[in-house]
Amino acid sequence: MNTKQYLLATLFIASGLFVNGQTPTWSNKIASIFYNNCSSCHREGGIGLFPLMSYSDATSHSLIIKSQVESKMMPPWKADPNYKHFKDERFLTNSQIADIADWVDNGTPAGDLSTAPSPPIFPIGSQMTSIDQTLTLPKYRINTSADEYRSFVIHSGISTDKFLNEIEYLPGNGAIVHHVVLYKDPSNYSDSLDNLDTIAGFSSYGSVAVSPNATFLGAWAPGSGIFKIPTNFGIRVDANSDYVVELHYAPGSAGQTDSTVLHLKYTTYSPIREVYIDPILNHFLSMTNGPINIAPNTIVTYYERELIPFGSDFSILAVFPHMHKVGASFKIWNYVPATHDSVPIIEIPKWDFHWQGFYTNQRIMKIPGNSKLEAKAQYDNTSANHDNPFSPPQRILSGEHTTQEMMIAFFAYTEYQLGDENVILDSTVLNTDIEEMKDPDASISIYPNPTTDLLNVRIKAIHDGYYYFDFINQQGQSVKTFDTFVHEGDAISIPIELSTFAQGIYAISITNKDGLPKILRFVKM
């Protein structure tokens, strides 16, 4: 597709999405802002305190909406997009916040409701294209009106090591499930705790791994999609391990019930690139001005510095900063002595204990082996901190309980391979101008482009191997996947039926034997 075709296609797709230079009304601006950023949580069955699925919904709560978005409490995306972008980020721009404030200040005008966008339709049930294992948690009745953390143990039943590649979280009661964390425990420690408790699951802290032998596998918060990493990557699940699923139930949930479901997919790709999850930054080991000892009525900053512990380059897929209730801010970067560069990893300027989890990079991030991971975190142990566990404030020391403090960053990472920094984890970046990556394995092309109902993928292979195809829409959703084996020397053309595809710009990620994807874009007219 030439530049002119691409620009015309982009304009065609975007023509109905933006209206500039008009007075903010529900119909011309505000509805689309709420539907795209708020309604996934603020709907029937969602965790939002009230729905935002109509004009009357919004006007009934306009003052609190204005207050929450101006303070940037909502949407609850805590990573600063001006520092670093991530997959599945959900935040309002300053322009959108100003539009909402103007709309409220001017009496919430409706505009022409006949031209307002239709409310979104949210999918019901699983959106995974294939499922290898389902974890169904037992039905549980919440017993307290305060925050409750409850962990449930499910035996994996796998007799050999497997590599987890995709996770889907389906809260049974979306109105009360605040977040979900998935662990693996190769010991029987978690199972013993579960057996000691007389009701389903066991009580947990919500601050550290539920077992000294357990490690993170993933996390979910409202608004998150399916966790998915490239086909040739996987997180090891040891044979005969237990899965432990910790749920945080929001305050005010007493008496309600939940039975959350997780769907898992294991990759069979070979050779696999193993992904590890470790707390590489850890205040017990790398704090430079510790230990944590925060006097009452003080605001304190601590620093961490960790030489890359592997002695070689590695690649970061995701990061999970972690503090407790007097945390105020957290910033992490990679310092490279050879160039004196400080490369952003993540900044959370307004820490919120209740909204934390993994942040997945848009592209894999290379960390040089001769560099340093550095971080600084601020703690607010004053009465102005509404999350302070003590009133009046008391001295806070390091520890695992939520009335103590931590400064930890978990990283999902793998050993670096040439080209990792070109591996895309967030397909929405494909809608920007990117350079197509060179494929060392074959000549790959597509035609015709633009197309209507049929796309052909031409492959000329130089050795035997599988090719894995992932078709991705503009919202970053995988809409079609398959693989095919191509023999050395063969030149084949694969016809792809597109009659079920909506009009728009799509990307195809094609992964070859060496695990280096080639990204091609096409327009479905």
Protein backbone atom coordinates (compact mmCIF):
# COMPACT_ATOMS: atom_id res chain seq x y z
CA MET A 1 0.00 0.00 0.00
CA ASN A 2 1.45 3.37 -0.96
CA THR A 3 1.46 6.44 1.26
CA LYS A 4 -1.57 7.97 -0.43
CA GLN A 5 -3.64 4.81 0.01
CA TYR A 6 -2.62 4.58 3.67
CA LEU A 7 -3.56 8.19 4.38
CA LEU A 8 -6.90 7.80 2.59
CA ALA A 9 -7.65 4.63 4.52
CA THR A 10 -6.73 6.23 7.83
CA LEU A 11 -8.93 9.23 7.09
CA PHE A 12 -11.77 6.92 6.11
CA ILE A 13 -11.58 4.99 9.35
CA ALA A 14 -11.14 8.07 11.51
CA SER A 15 -13.63 10.32 9.79
CA GLY A 16 -16.43 9.68 12.25
CA LEU A 17 -14.35 9.55 15.42
CA PHE A 18 -13.30 13.14 16.07
CA VAL A 19 -15.13 16.44 15.99
CA ASN A 20 -12.97 19.46 16.57
CA GLY A 21 -13.70 23.06 17.36
CA GLN A 22 -17.25 22.54 18.68
CA THR A 23 -18.81 23.32 22.02
CA PRO A 24 -18.57 20.20 24.22
CA THR A 25 -21.95 18.46 24.27
CA TRP A 26 -22.88 14.92 25.10
CA SER A 27 -23.47 14.14 21.44
CA ASN A 28 -20.42 15.68 19.82
CA LYS A 29 -17.67 14.90 22.35
CA ILE A 30 -18.54 13.70 25.83
CA ALA A 31 -20.31 10.43 25.01
CA SER A 32 -17.35 9.11 23.01
CA ILE A 33 -14.93 10.02 25.83
CA PHE A 34 -16.97 8.10 28.42
CA TYR A 35 -17.74 5.14 26.15
CA ASN A 36 -14.07 4.69 25.22
CA ASN A 37 -12.55 5.23 28.66
CA CYS A 38 -15.11 4.71 31.42
CA SER A 39 -18.03 2.47 30.48
CA SER A 40 -16.11 -0.81 30.58
CA CYS A 41 -16.14 -0.48 34.38
CA HIS A 42 -19.15 1.85 34.76
CA ARG A 43 -21.90 -0.45 33.49
CA GLU A 44 -24.27 -3.04 34.82
CA GLY A 45 -22.18 -5.73 36.47
CA GLY A 46 -19.03 -3.59 36.35
CA ILE A 47 -16.99 -2.45 39.33
CA GLY A 48 -17.83 1.24 38.78
CA LEU A 49 -20.10 2.70 41.49
CA PHE A 50 -22.60 3.90 38.89
CA PRO A 51 -23.21 3.27 35.17
CA LEU A 52 -22.04 5.60 32.41
CA MET A 53 -23.97 4.13 29.52
CA SER A 54 -26.32 7.01 28.68
CA TYR A 55 -26.75 10.77 28.80
CA SER A 56 -28.97 10.52 31.89
CA ASP A 57 -26.37 8.34 33.65
CA ALA A 58 -23.72 11.00 33.10
CA THR A 59 -25.81 14.01 34.06
CA SER A 60 -26.89 12.32 37.30
CA HIS A 61 -23.26 12.14 38.45
CA SER A 62 -21.70 15.07 36.58
CA LEU A 63 -20.20 16.87 39.60
CA ILE A 64 -18.41 13.83 41.00
CA ILE A 65 -17.26 12.91 37.47
CA LYS A 66 -15.68 16.33 37.04
CA SER A 67 -13.97 16.10 40.42
CA GLN A 68 -12.60 12.60 39.76
CA VAL A 69 -11.23 13.30 36.29
CA GLU A 70 -9.70 16.67 37.23
CA SER A 71 -7.88 15.03 40.14
CA LYS A 72 -6.94 12.17 37.75
CA MET A 73 -8.34 9.63 40.18
CA MET A 74 -10.35 8.29 37.27
CA PRO A 75 -9.82 6.49 35.00
CA PRO A 76 -7.58 4.54 37.40
CA TRP A 77 -4.50 4.41 35.18
CA LYS A 78 -1.55 5.24 37.41
CA ALA A 79 1.46 5.15 35.06
CA ASP A 80 2.35 8.58 33.68
CA PRO A 81 1.92 8.44 29.86
CA ASN A 82 4.24 11.45 29.51
CA TYR A 83 7.04 9.30 30.92
CA LYS A 84 6.35 5.95 29.24
CA HIS A 85 3.48 4.34 27.33
CA PHE A 86 2.20 0.82 28.03
CA LYS A 87 -0.13 -1.74 26.55
CA ASP A 88 -3.85 -1.35 27.37
CA GLU A 89 -3.33 2.06 28.97
CA ARG A 90 -6.49 3.94 29.85
CA PHE A 91 -6.22 7.64 30.65
CA LEU A 92 -7.73 10.97 29.66
CA THR A 93 -5.73 13.64 27.88
CA ASN A 94 -5.65 17.16 29.29
CA SER A 95 -7.89 18.21 26.39
CA GLN A 96 -10.47 15.51 27.26
CA ILE A 97 -10.42 16.52 30.93
CA ALA A 98 -10.95 20.16 29.93
CA ASP A 99 -13.86 19.14 27.68
CA ILE A 100 -15.56 17.26 30.54
CA ALA A 101 -15.06 20.21 32.91
CA ASP A 102 -16.45 22.67 30.33
CA TRP A 103 -19.41 20.37 29.68
CA VAL A 104 -20.28 20.21 33.39
CA ASP A 105 -19.68 23.93 33.99
CA ASN A 106 -22.00 24.79 31.08
CA GLY A 107 -24.92 22.73 32.36
CA THR A 108 -24.18 19.37 30.68
CA PRO A 109 -25.70 20.23 27.27
CA ALA A 110 -27.07 17.24 25.37
CA GLY A 111 -26.62 18.46 21.81
CA ASP A 112 -28.49 16.55 19.12
CA LEU A 113 -29.06 13.19 20.80
CA SER A 114 -30.03 11.65 17.45
CA THR A 115 -26.40 12.04 16.37
CA ALA A 116 -24.86 10.74 19.62
CA PRO A 117 -22.78 7.55 19.37
CA SER A 118 -24.48 4.36 20.47
CA PRO A 119 -23.46 2.89 23.84
CA PRO A 120 -20.79 0.20 23.53
CA ILE A 121 -21.78 -3.45 23.63
CA PHE A 122 -19.46 -5.37 25.93
CA PRO A 123 -18.71 -9.00 25.11
CA ILE A 124 -20.10 -11.64 27.42
CA GLY A 125 -18.02 -14.68 28.29
CA SER A 126 -14.63 -15.78 27.02
CA GLN A 127 -12.91 -13.93 24.18
CA MET A 128 -10.00 -16.37 23.85
CA THR A 129 -9.76 -18.18 20.53
CA SER A 130 -8.63 -21.42 22.20
CA ILE A 131 -8.40 -22.55 25.84
CA ASP A 132 -6.13 -25.26 27.24
CA GLN A 133 -7.24 -25.14 30.88
CA THR A 134 -9.97 -23.47 32.91
CA LEU A 135 -9.59 -22.58 36.60
CA THR A 136 -13.03 -22.25 38.20
CA LEU A 137 -12.88 -20.81 41.71
CA PRO A 138 -15.37 -22.04 44.31
CA LYS A 139 -18.37 -19.89 45.14
CA TYR A 140 -17.41 -17.51 47.94
CA ARG A 141 -19.51 -15.18 50.09
CA ILE A 142 -17.73 -11.98 51.18
CA ASN A 143 -17.74 -11.68 54.97
CA THR A 144 -16.66 -8.11 55.66
CA SER A 145 -17.59 -4.60 54.59
CA ALA A 146 -13.88 -3.66 54.47
CA ASP A 147 -11.29 -4.69 51.87
CA GLU A 148 -11.00 -8.46 51.75
CA TYR A 149 -8.17 -10.48 50.21
CA ARG A 150 -8.98 -14.14 49.62
CA SER A 151 -6.80 -16.79 47.95
CA PHE A 152 -8.01 -19.98 46.33
CA VAL A 153 -5.89 -23.03 45.45
CA ILE A 154 -6.44 -25.16 42.36
CA HIS A 155 -4.18 -28.12 41.54
CA SER A 156 -2.77 -27.69 38.04
CA GLY A 157 -2.93 -31.38 37.24
CA ILE A 158 -0.04 -31.08 34.78
CA SER A 159 2.52 -33.90 34.90
CA THR A 160 5.26 -32.13 32.92
CA ASP A 161 6.48 -28.54 32.86
CA LYS A 162 4.40 -26.28 30.62
CA PHE A 163 4.78 -22.70 29.44
CA LEU A 164 1.94 -20.28 30.02
CA ASN A 165 1.39 -17.92 27.12
CA GLU A 166 -2.09 -16.44 27.52
CA ILE A 167 -4.38 -15.71 30.51
CA GLU A 168 -7.98 -14.51 30.55
CA TYR A 169 -9.63 -13.36 33.80
CA LEU A 170 -13.44 -13.49 34.06
CA PRO A 171 -14.68 -12.12 37.41
CA GLY A 172 -17.84 -13.83 38.52
CA ASN A 173 -19.14 -10.65 40.13
CA GLY A 174 -17.63 -7.68 38.32
CA ALA A 175 -19.23 -5.24 40.76
CA ILE A 176 -17.02 -6.38 43.65
CA VAL A 177 -13.83 -7.93 42.19
CA HIS A 178 -11.25 -5.15 42.49
CA HIS A 179 -8.26 -7.07 41.15
CA VAL A 180 -6.96 -10.62 40.66
CA VAL A 181 -3.41 -11.96 41.05
CA LEU A 182 -2.30 -15.37 39.78
CA TYR A 183 0.60 -17.32 41.34
CA LYS A 184 2.16 -20.73 40.90
CA ASP A 185 3.22 -22.65 44.01
CA PRO A 186 5.37 -25.76 43.43
CA SER A 187 5.11 -26.64 47.15
CA ASN A 188 2.09 -27.66 49.22
CA TYR A 189 2.33 -24.53 51.39
CA SER A 190 -0.70 -22.73 49.91
CA ASP A 191 -2.74 -25.93 49.83
CA SER A 192 -2.02 -26.45 53.54
CA LEU A 193 -3.33 -22.96 54.34
CA ASP A 194 -6.44 -23.68 52.29
CA ASN A 195 -7.02 -26.96 54.12
CA LEU A 196 -6.69 -25.27 57.51
CA ASP A 197 -9.47 -22.79 56.70
CA THR A 198 -13.01 -24.01 57.26
CA ILE A 199 -14.47 -22.12 54.28
CA ALA A 200 -13.39 -21.84 50.64
CA GLY A 201 -9.92 -20.40 50.20
CA PHE A 202 -7.87 -18.68 52.89
CA SER A 203 -7.29 -15.11 54.04
CA SER A 204 -4.27 -13.32 52.54
CA TYR A 205 -2.60 -9.92 52.79
CA GLY A 206 -2.78 -8.58 49.26
CA SER A 207 0.79 -7.35 49.58
CA VAL A 208 3.21 -10.25 48.96
CA ALA A 209 3.21 -13.74 47.50
CA VAL A 210 0.81 -16.02 49.35
CA SER A 211 3.55 -18.61 49.89
CA PRO A 212 7.33 -18.25 50.35
CA ASN A 213 7.64 -20.63 47.39
CA ALA A 214 5.08 -18.93 45.14
CA THR A 215 5.87 -16.61 42.24
CA PHE A 216 3.76 -14.21 40.20
CA LEU A 217 2.28 -15.35 36.92
CA GLY A 218 -0.02 -12.44 36.17
CA ALA A 219 -2.50 -9.87 37.43
CA TRP A 220 -5.80 -8.32 36.34
CA ALA A 221 -7.59 -5.07 37.17
CA PRO A 222 -10.83 -3.65 35.72
CA GLY A 223 -10.30 -2.52 32.15
CA SER A 224 -7.51 -5.03 31.49
CA GLY A 225 -7.77 -7.34 28.52
CA ILE A 226 -6.37 -10.79 27.89
CA PHE A 227 -2.73 -11.16 28.95
CA LYS A 228 -0.87 -12.43 25.92
CA ILE A 229 2.79 -12.68 24.97
CA PRO A 230 4.26 -13.71 21.60
CA THR A 231 3.85 -17.34 20.61
CA ASN A 232 7.49 -18.23 21.16
CA PHE A 233 7.56 -16.89 24.75
CA GLY A 234 6.19 -18.61 27.86
CA ILE A 235 6.22 -18.56 31.67
CA ARG A 236 7.18 -21.94 33.12
CA VAL A 237 4.60 -23.74 35.23
CA ASP A 238 6.33 -26.59 37.02
CA ALA A 239 4.86 -30.07 36.91
CA ASN A 240 2.40 -30.76 39.74
CA SER A 241 2.35 -27.10 40.81
CA ASP A 242 -0.69 -25.52 42.39
CA TYR A 243 -2.29 -22.43 40.95
CA VAL A 244 -3.15 -19.83 43.59
CA VAL A 245 -5.61 -17.10 42.67
CA GLU A 246 -5.83 -14.13 45.03
CA LEU A 247 -8.85 -11.84 44.76
CA HIS A 248 -9.29 -8.40 46.26
CA TYR A 249 -12.95 -7.72 47.01
CA ALA A 250 -13.82 -4.03 47.20
CA PRO A 251 -15.19 -2.43 50.40
CA GLY A 252 -18.94 -2.66 50.78
CA SER A 253 -19.17 -6.15 49.27
CA ALA A 254 -20.35 -7.97 52.43
CA GLY A 255 -23.01 -10.55 51.72
CA GLN A 256 -22.36 -10.73 47.98
CA THR A 257 -20.98 -13.83 46.29
CA ASP A 258 -18.40 -14.46 43.59
CA SER A 259 -16.99 -17.34 41.58
CA THR A 260 -14.25 -16.09 39.28
CA VAL A 261 -12.96 -18.07 36.28
CA LEU A 262 -9.54 -17.99 34.60
CA HIS A 263 -8.73 -19.42 31.18
CA LEU A 264 -5.16 -20.49 30.38
CA LYS A 265 -3.32 -21.27 27.19
CA TYR A 266 0.05 -22.99 27.03
CA THR A 267 2.40 -22.55 24.10
CA THR A 268 3.76 -25.58 22.27
CA TYR A 269 6.27 -23.52 20.30
CA SER A 270 9.80 -24.94 20.17
CA PRO A 271 12.33 -23.72 20.98
CA ILE A 272 10.59 -21.73 23.72
CA ARG A 273 11.93 -18.52 25.18
CA GLU A 274 11.34 -18.70 28.91
CA VAL A 275 9.95 -15.63 30.65
CA TYR A 276 10.91 -15.13 34.31
CA ILE A 277 9.20 -12.98 36.95
CA ASP A 278 11.43 -11.75 39.76
CA PRO A 279 11.65 -8.78 42.18
CA ILE A 280 14.92 -7.48 40.72
CA LEU A 281 14.52 -4.19 42.60
CA ASN A 282 13.98 -5.05 46.24
CA HIS A 283 14.36 -2.79 49.26
CA PHE A 284 15.84 -5.67 51.27
CA LEU A 285 18.83 -5.79 48.89
CA SER A 286 19.18 -2.68 46.75
CA MET A 287 18.02 0.31 48.82
CA THR A 288 20.82 2.88 49.06
CA ASN A 289 19.51 4.97 51.99
CA GLY A 290 17.44 2.38 53.85
CA PRO A 291 16.21 0.57 55.73
CA ILE A 292 12.62 1.83 55.55
CA ASN A 293 11.90 3.75 58.75
CA ILE A 294 9.26 6.46 58.28
CA ALA A 295 8.58 8.68 61.28
CA PRO A 296 5.01 9.88 61.85
CA ASN A 297 4.02 13.16 60.16
CA THR A 298 6.90 13.01 57.66
CA ILE A 299 7.30 12.62 53.90
CA VAL A 300 10.38 10.54 53.03
CA THR A 301 12.12 9.57 49.78
CA TYR A 302 14.10 6.35 49.38
CA TYR A 303 16.36 5.26 46.53
CA GLU A 304 17.32 1.92 45.04
CA ARG A 305 20.14 0.98 42.69
CA GLU A 306 20.76 -2.50 41.34
CA LEU A 307 23.58 -3.48 38.99
CA ILE A 308 22.19 -5.81 36.35
CA PRO A 309 22.50 -9.14 38.19
CA PHE A 310 22.71 -11.37 35.12
CA GLY A 311 26.03 -10.17 33.70
CA SER A 312 24.48 -9.98 30.22
CA ASP A 313 21.73 -8.17 28.32
CA PHE A 314 18.13 -9.04 29.07
CA SER A 315 14.70 -8.03 27.78
CA ILE A 316 11.79 -6.65 29.82
CA LEU A 317 8.23 -7.49 28.85
CA ALA A 318 6.43 -6.01 31.88
CA VAL A 319 6.98 -4.35 35.26
CA PHE A 320 5.01 -4.50 38.53
CA PRO A 321 5.93 -1.76 41.06
CA HIS A 322 4.77 -2.50 44.59
CA MET A 323 4.38 -0.45 47.78
CA HIS A 324 1.77 -0.26 50.52
CA LYS A 325 -0.56 2.38 51.93
CA VAL A 326 1.77 5.27 52.72
CA GLY A 327 3.32 5.07 49.25
CA ALA A 328 3.05 8.38 47.39
CA SER A 329 5.05 7.97 44.15
CA PHE A 330 7.33 5.46 42.42
CA LYS A 331 9.74 6.01 39.50
CA ILE A 332 12.04 3.46 37.82
CA TRP A 333 14.61 3.95 35.07
CA ASN A 334 17.61 2.21 33.50
CA TYR A 335 20.92 4.07 33.76
CA VAL A 336 23.43 3.20 31.04
CA PRO A 337 26.95 4.35 32.07
CA ALA A 338 28.41 3.96 28.58
CA THR A 339 26.09 6.64 27.17
CA HIS A 340 25.05 8.39 30.41
CA ASP A 341 21.44 7.83 29.37
CA SER A 342 18.56 7.37 31.81
CA VAL A 343 15.97 5.30 29.94
CA PRO A 344 12.39 5.46 31.32
CA ILE A 345 10.82 2.26 32.63
CA ILE A 346 7.80 3.54 34.60
CA GLU A 347 6.65 6.48 36.71
CA ILE A 348 3.62 6.46 38.99
CA PRO A 349 3.33 10.06 40.26
CA LYS A 350 0.28 9.38 42.47
CA TRP A 351 0.60 5.95 44.02
CA ASP A 352 -2.63 4.15 44.92
CA PHE A 353 -2.37 0.89 46.84
CA HIS A 354 -5.77 -0.20 45.50
CA TRP A 355 -4.78 0.01 41.83
CA GLN A 356 -1.59 -1.90 41.12
CA GLY A 357 -0.49 -4.68 38.82
CA PHE A 358 1.67 -5.53 35.82
CA TYR A 359 2.32 -2.86 33.21
CA THR A 360 3.17 -4.46 29.86
CA ASN A 361 5.51 -2.63 27.50
CA GLN A 362 4.31 -1.74 24.02
CA ARG A 363 7.54 -3.22 22.69
CA ILE A 364 10.06 -5.46 24.41
CA MET A 365 12.66 -3.29 26.16
CA LYS A 366 16.35 -4.19 26.00
CA ILE A 367 18.34 -3.70 29.24
CA PRO A 368 22.13 -3.70 28.67
CA GLY A 369 24.07 -6.01 30.96
CA ASN A 370 26.52 -3.29 32.01
CA SER A 371 23.80 -0.88 33.15
CA LYS A 372 21.88 -0.25 36.38
CA LEU A 373 18.23 -0.33 37.36
CA GLU A 374 17.48 2.67 39.54
CA ALA A 375 14.38 3.84 41.38
CA LYS A 376 13.08 6.39 43.83
CA ALA A 377 9.91 6.25 45.88
CA GLN A 378 8.24 8.75 48.16
CA TYR A 379 6.18 7.89 51.22
CA ASP A 380 3.58 10.13 52.86
CA ASN A 381 3.13 9.23 56.53
CA THR A 382 0.91 12.21 57.38
CA SER A 383 -2.75 12.58 58.14
CA ALA A 384 -3.19 14.18 54.70
CA ASN A 385 -2.71 10.70 53.22
CA HIS A 386 -6.24 9.27 53.27
CA ASP A 387 -4.88 5.73 52.89
CA ASN A 388 -2.68 5.99 55.99
CA PRO A 389 -3.47 2.85 58.04
CA PHE A 390 -3.04 4.77 61.32
CA SER A 391 -4.82 7.79 62.75
CA PRO A 392 -2.93 9.57 64.15
CA PRO A 393 0.10 8.51 62.05
CA GLN A 394 2.56 6.06 63.60
CA ARG A 395 6.12 5.01 62.73
CA ILE A 396 6.20 2.74 59.64
CA LEU A 397 8.93 0.10 59.23
CA SER A 398 9.64 -2.32 56.38
CA GLY A 399 7.59 -5.49 56.32
CA GLU A 400 5.05 -7.56 54.44
CA HIS A 401 1.87 -6.40 56.21
CA THR A 402 -0.14 -3.52 54.77
CA THR A 403 0.55 -1.52 57.94
CA GLN A 404 4.26 -1.77 57.08
CA GLU A 405 6.03 -0.71 53.87
CA MET A 406 7.86 -2.14 50.89
CA MET A 407 9.66 -0.87 47.78
CA ILE A 408 9.73 -3.68 45.26
CA ALA A 409 9.52 -3.94 41.47
CA PHE A 410 8.79 -7.26 39.83
CA PHE A 411 9.95 -7.66 36.24
CA ALA A 412 8.73 -10.10 33.60
CA TYR A 413 11.87 -10.64 31.54
CA THR A 414 13.79 -13.01 29.31
CA GLU A 415 17.35 -13.39 28.04
CA TYR A 416 18.02 -10.88 25.29
CA GLN A 417 18.15 -11.98 21.67
CA LEU A 418 19.00 -9.86 18.65
CA GLY A 419 15.90 -8.00 17.47
CA ASP A 420 13.97 -8.16 20.76
CA GLU A 421 13.53 -4.38 20.82
CA ASN A 422 11.48 -4.73 17.61
CA VAL A 423 9.04 -7.27 19.08
CA ILE A 424 5.65 -5.61 19.49
CA LEU A 425 3.52 -6.52 22.52
CA ASP A 426 0.82 -3.88 21.98
CA SER A 427 -0.64 -4.10 18.50
CA THR A 428 -2.20 -0.63 18.72
CA VAL A 429 1.24 0.80 17.94
CA LEU A 430 0.81 -0.75 14.52
CA ASN A 431 -1.52 2.13 13.64
CA THR A 432 1.45 4.49 13.71
CA ASP A 433 4.21 4.59 11.12
CA ILE A 434 6.53 1.68 11.97
CA GLU A 435 9.31 0.14 9.98
CA GLU A 436 8.50 -3.38 8.92
CA MET A 437 11.00 -5.80 10.41
CA LYS A 438 13.23 -7.86 8.18
CA ASP A 439 12.49 -11.57 8.12
CA PRO A 440 15.69 -13.65 7.94
CA ASP A 441 13.72 -16.80 7.20
CA ALA A 442 11.72 -16.08 4.07
CA SER A 443 10.28 -13.59 1.66
CA ILE A 444 6.77 -12.69 2.87
CA SER A 445 4.30 -10.43 1.11
CA ILE A 446 0.55 -9.82 0.95
CA TYR A 447 -1.81 -8.90 -1.91
CA PRO A 448 -4.12 -7.26 -2.90
CA ASN A 449 -3.93 -4.30 -0.53
CA PRO A 450 -6.43 -2.67 0.06
CA THR A 451 -8.72 -5.68 -0.30
CA THR A 452 -12.34 -6.68 0.22
CA ASP A 453 -13.03 -10.31 1.08
CA LEU A 454 -9.79 -12.13 0.25
CA LEU A 455 -6.13 -11.55 1.18
CA ASN A 456 -3.25 -13.67 -0.07
CA VAL A 457 -0.08 -14.22 1.97
CA ARG A 458 2.93 -15.30 -0.12
CA ILE A 459 5.78 -17.15 1.62
CA LYS A 460 9.06 -18.41 0.15
CA ALA A 461 10.90 -20.50 2.75
CA ILE A 462 14.61 -21.25 2.92
CA HIS A 463 14.24 -24.09 5.45
CA ASP A 464 11.53 -26.24 7.01
CA GLY A 465 9.45 -24.64 9.75
CA TYR A 466 6.15 -23.39 11.11
CA TYR A 467 4.85 -19.88 10.54
CA TYR A 468 2.45 -18.48 13.15
CA PHE A 469 -0.10 -15.87 12.04
CA ASP A 470 -1.94 -13.42 14.29
CA PHE A 471 -4.44 -10.95 12.75
CA ILE A 472 -4.97 -7.86 14.92
CA ASN A 473 -7.56 -5.09 14.61
CA GLN A 474 -7.22 -1.38 15.47
CA GLN A 475 -8.34 -1.99 19.06
CA GLY A 476 -5.42 -4.36 19.58
CA GLN A 477 -7.65 -7.45 19.61
CA SER A 478 -6.59 -10.72 18.03
CA VAL A 479 -9.34 -11.64 15.56
CA LYS A 480 -7.78 -14.64 13.81
CA THR A 481 -4.83 -16.95 14.49
CA PHE A 482 -3.45 -20.01 12.74
CA ASP A 483 -0.17 -21.68 11.81
CA THR A 484 1.13 -23.49 8.76
CA PHE A 485 4.18 -25.62 7.97
CA VAL A 486 6.30 -24.64 4.97
CA HIS A 487 8.96 -26.92 3.49
CA GLU A 488 12.39 -25.69 2.50
CA GLY A 489 12.39 -24.20 -0.97
CA ASP A 490 8.60 -24.04 -1.25
CA ALA A 491 6.90 -20.86 -2.44
CA ILE A 492 3.26 -20.89 -1.39
CA SER A 493 0.33 -18.50 -1.42
CA ILE A 494 -2.18 -18.76 1.43
CA PRO A 495 -5.67 -17.32 0.78
CA ILE A 496 -7.26 -15.67 3.84
CA GLU A 497 -11.04 -15.23 3.91
CA LEU A 498 -11.97 -11.75 5.27
CA SER A 499 -15.76 -11.70 4.82
CA THR A 500 -16.28 -11.62 8.61
CA PHE A 501 -13.78 -8.77 9.14
CA ALA A 502 -15.18 -5.27 9.68
CA GLN A 503 -13.83 -2.42 7.56
CA GLY A 504 -10.61 -1.02 8.95
CA ILE A 505 -6.84 -1.25 9.13
CA TYR A 506 -5.43 -4.59 10.31
CA ALA A 507 -1.99 -5.93 11.10
CA ILE A 508 -0.62 -9.43 10.63
CA SER A 509 2.14 -10.58 12.95
CA ILE A 510 3.94 -13.51 11.30
CA THR A 511 6.42 -15.33 13.54
CA ASN A 512 8.98 -17.61 11.96
CA LYS A 513 11.24 -20.37 13.27
CA ASP A 514 13.68 -17.88 14.79
CA GLY A 515 10.93 -16.10 16.68
CA LEU A 516 11.40 -12.74 14.96
CA PRO A 517 7.99 -11.46 13.82
CA LYS A 518 7.32 -9.62 10.59
CA ILE A 519 4.54 -7.05 10.77
CA LEU A 520 2.43 -6.37 7.68
CA ARG A 521 -0.56 -4.04 7.45
CA PHE A 522 -3.56 -4.13 5.15
CA VAL A 523 -6.87 -2.33 4.69
CA LYS A 524 -10.20 -4.20 4.57
CA MET A 525 -12.58 -2.04 2.51
